[in-house]
Amino acid sequence: MSATLIPMATYVLVANPATYKFVRGILGNWVANADGVATLAGLVLHAFVYVFLTGLVLMMFMPRGSGYAPGPSNSPAPAPAGMMQQAQASMASGLQGMASMIAPK
């Protein structure tokens, strides 16, 4: 089922006048009149029931992902081999220069 059909089906079930009549038989006259027309309190009750049922059905029937989404990472892309060799050579010469400054003469 799609994420659009589930709320629609739940709404048709909860907002149906027959449902109001059924709930009136269980909870009393404060939910709806004899024709199934909702009172304000019955409308609020059915709104909460709709939200609860929709959330429950969506959690039960909609697949969840693992939470892992492969894609671009925050780590930098690996440098080409030539650039790595240049960086290593530059670093080595810099270290040699620093070592020569520090070394006693």
Protein backbone atom coordinates (compact mmCIF):
# COMPACT_ATOMS: atom_id res chain seq x y z
CA MET A 1 0.00 0.00 0.00
CA SER A 2 1.22 3.46 -0.68
CA ALA A 3 1.66 6.24 1.84
CA THR A 4 -1.26 8.07 0.21
CA LEU A 5 -3.79 5.24 0.24
CA ILE A 6 -3.34 4.34 3.91
CA PRO A 7 -4.47 7.73 5.30
CA MET A 8 -7.34 7.85 2.78
CA ALA A 9 -8.61 4.40 3.76
CA THR A 10 -8.27 5.21 7.46
CA TYR A 11 -10.20 8.46 7.00
CA VAL A 12 -13.05 6.71 5.17
CA LEU A 13 -13.25 4.18 7.99
CA VAL A 14 -13.12 6.69 10.87
CA ALA A 15 -15.25 9.49 9.33
CA ASN A 16 -18.04 7.20 8.17
CA PRO A 17 -21.44 7.95 9.79
CA ALA A 18 -21.86 4.22 10.42
CA THR A 19 -18.71 4.34 12.54
CA TYR A 20 -20.14 7.25 14.52
CA LYS A 21 -23.35 5.26 15.11
CA PHE A 22 -21.31 2.23 16.21
CA VAL A 23 -19.22 4.28 18.64
CA ARG A 24 -22.39 6.02 19.90
CA GLY A 25 -23.73 2.61 20.85
CA ILE A 26 -20.59 1.91 22.88
CA LEU A 27 -19.73 5.29 24.43
CA GLY A 28 -23.10 7.05 24.49
CA ASN A 29 -24.94 9.99 22.98
CA TRP A 30 -22.10 12.48 23.39
CA VAL A 31 -20.33 11.06 20.29
CA ALA A 32 -23.11 11.43 17.69
CA ASN A 33 -26.87 11.69 17.27
CA ALA A 34 -29.07 8.81 16.13
CA ASP A 35 -28.42 9.59 12.45
CA GLY A 36 -24.63 9.34 12.87
CA VAL A 37 -23.99 13.08 12.72
CA ALA A 38 -21.02 13.83 14.95
CA THR A 39 -21.07 16.18 17.90
CA LEU A 40 -18.05 18.41 18.52
CA ALA A 41 -16.77 16.03 21.20
CA GLY A 42 -17.28 13.06 18.87
CA LEU A 43 -15.42 14.86 16.11
CA VAL A 44 -12.46 15.51 18.43
CA LEU A 45 -12.50 11.88 19.57
CA HIS A 46 -12.51 10.60 16.00
CA ALA A 47 -9.73 13.02 15.03
CA PHE A 48 -7.50 11.52 17.72
CA VAL A 49 -8.49 8.00 16.67
CA TYR A 50 -7.70 8.85 13.03
CA VAL A 51 -4.23 10.18 13.88
CA PHE A 52 -3.48 7.16 16.08
CA LEU A 53 -4.73 4.59 13.56
CA THR A 54 -2.99 6.23 10.62
CA GLY A 55 0.32 6.33 12.48
CA LEU A 56 -0.06 2.73 13.61
CA VAL A 57 -0.93 1.41 10.16
CA LEU A 58 1.88 3.40 8.51
CA MET A 59 4.40 2.01 11.00
CA MET A 60 3.15 -1.53 10.45
CA PHE A 61 2.87 -1.62 6.67
CA MET A 62 5.34 0.90 5.30
CA PRO A 63 8.86 -0.50 4.96
CA ARG A 64 11.60 1.27 6.80
CA GLY A 65 15.06 1.77 5.47
CA SER A 66 18.11 0.75 7.41
CA GLY A 67 19.03 4.36 8.02
CA TYR A 68 22.14 3.94 5.90
CA ALA A 69 22.05 5.92 2.72
CA PRO A 70 25.15 5.51 0.59
CA GLY A 71 26.17 8.66 -1.08
CA PRO A 72 28.74 11.37 -0.97
CA SER A 73 30.87 11.21 2.13
CA ASN A 74 32.50 14.01 4.03
CA SER A 75 35.98 12.57 3.54
CA PRO A 76 38.08 14.05 0.76
CA ALA A 77 38.56 12.14 -2.45
CA PRO A 78 41.87 10.29 -2.74
CA ALA A 79 44.56 12.28 -4.48
CA PRO A 80 46.03 11.00 -7.73
CA ALA A 81 49.25 9.00 -7.37
CA GLY A 82 51.45 11.72 -8.90
CA MET A 83 50.20 14.30 -6.43
CA MET A 84 50.86 11.97 -3.51
CA GLN A 85 54.46 11.42 -4.61
CA GLN A 86 54.97 15.17 -4.97
CA ALA A 87 53.51 15.81 -1.52
CA GLN A 88 55.70 13.11 0.04
CA ALA A 89 58.83 14.48 -1.66
CA SER A 90 57.98 18.03 -0.58
CA MET A 91 57.38 16.90 2.99
CA ALA A 92 60.62 14.91 3.05
CA SER A 93 62.64 17.88 1.81
CA GLY A 94 60.96 20.15 4.33
CA LEU A 95 61.77 17.74 7.14
CA GLN A 96 65.38 17.50 5.98
CA GLY A 97 65.62 21.29 5.95
CA MET A 98 64.18 21.51 9.46
CA ALA A 99 66.50 18.77 10.67
CA SER A 100 69.51 20.60 9.28
CA MET A 101 68.49 23.76 11.14
CA ILE A 102 68.08 21.90 14.41
CA ALA A 103 71.14 19.64 14.16
CA PRO A 104 74.24 20.85 15.94
CA LYS A 105 77.08 21.94 13.71
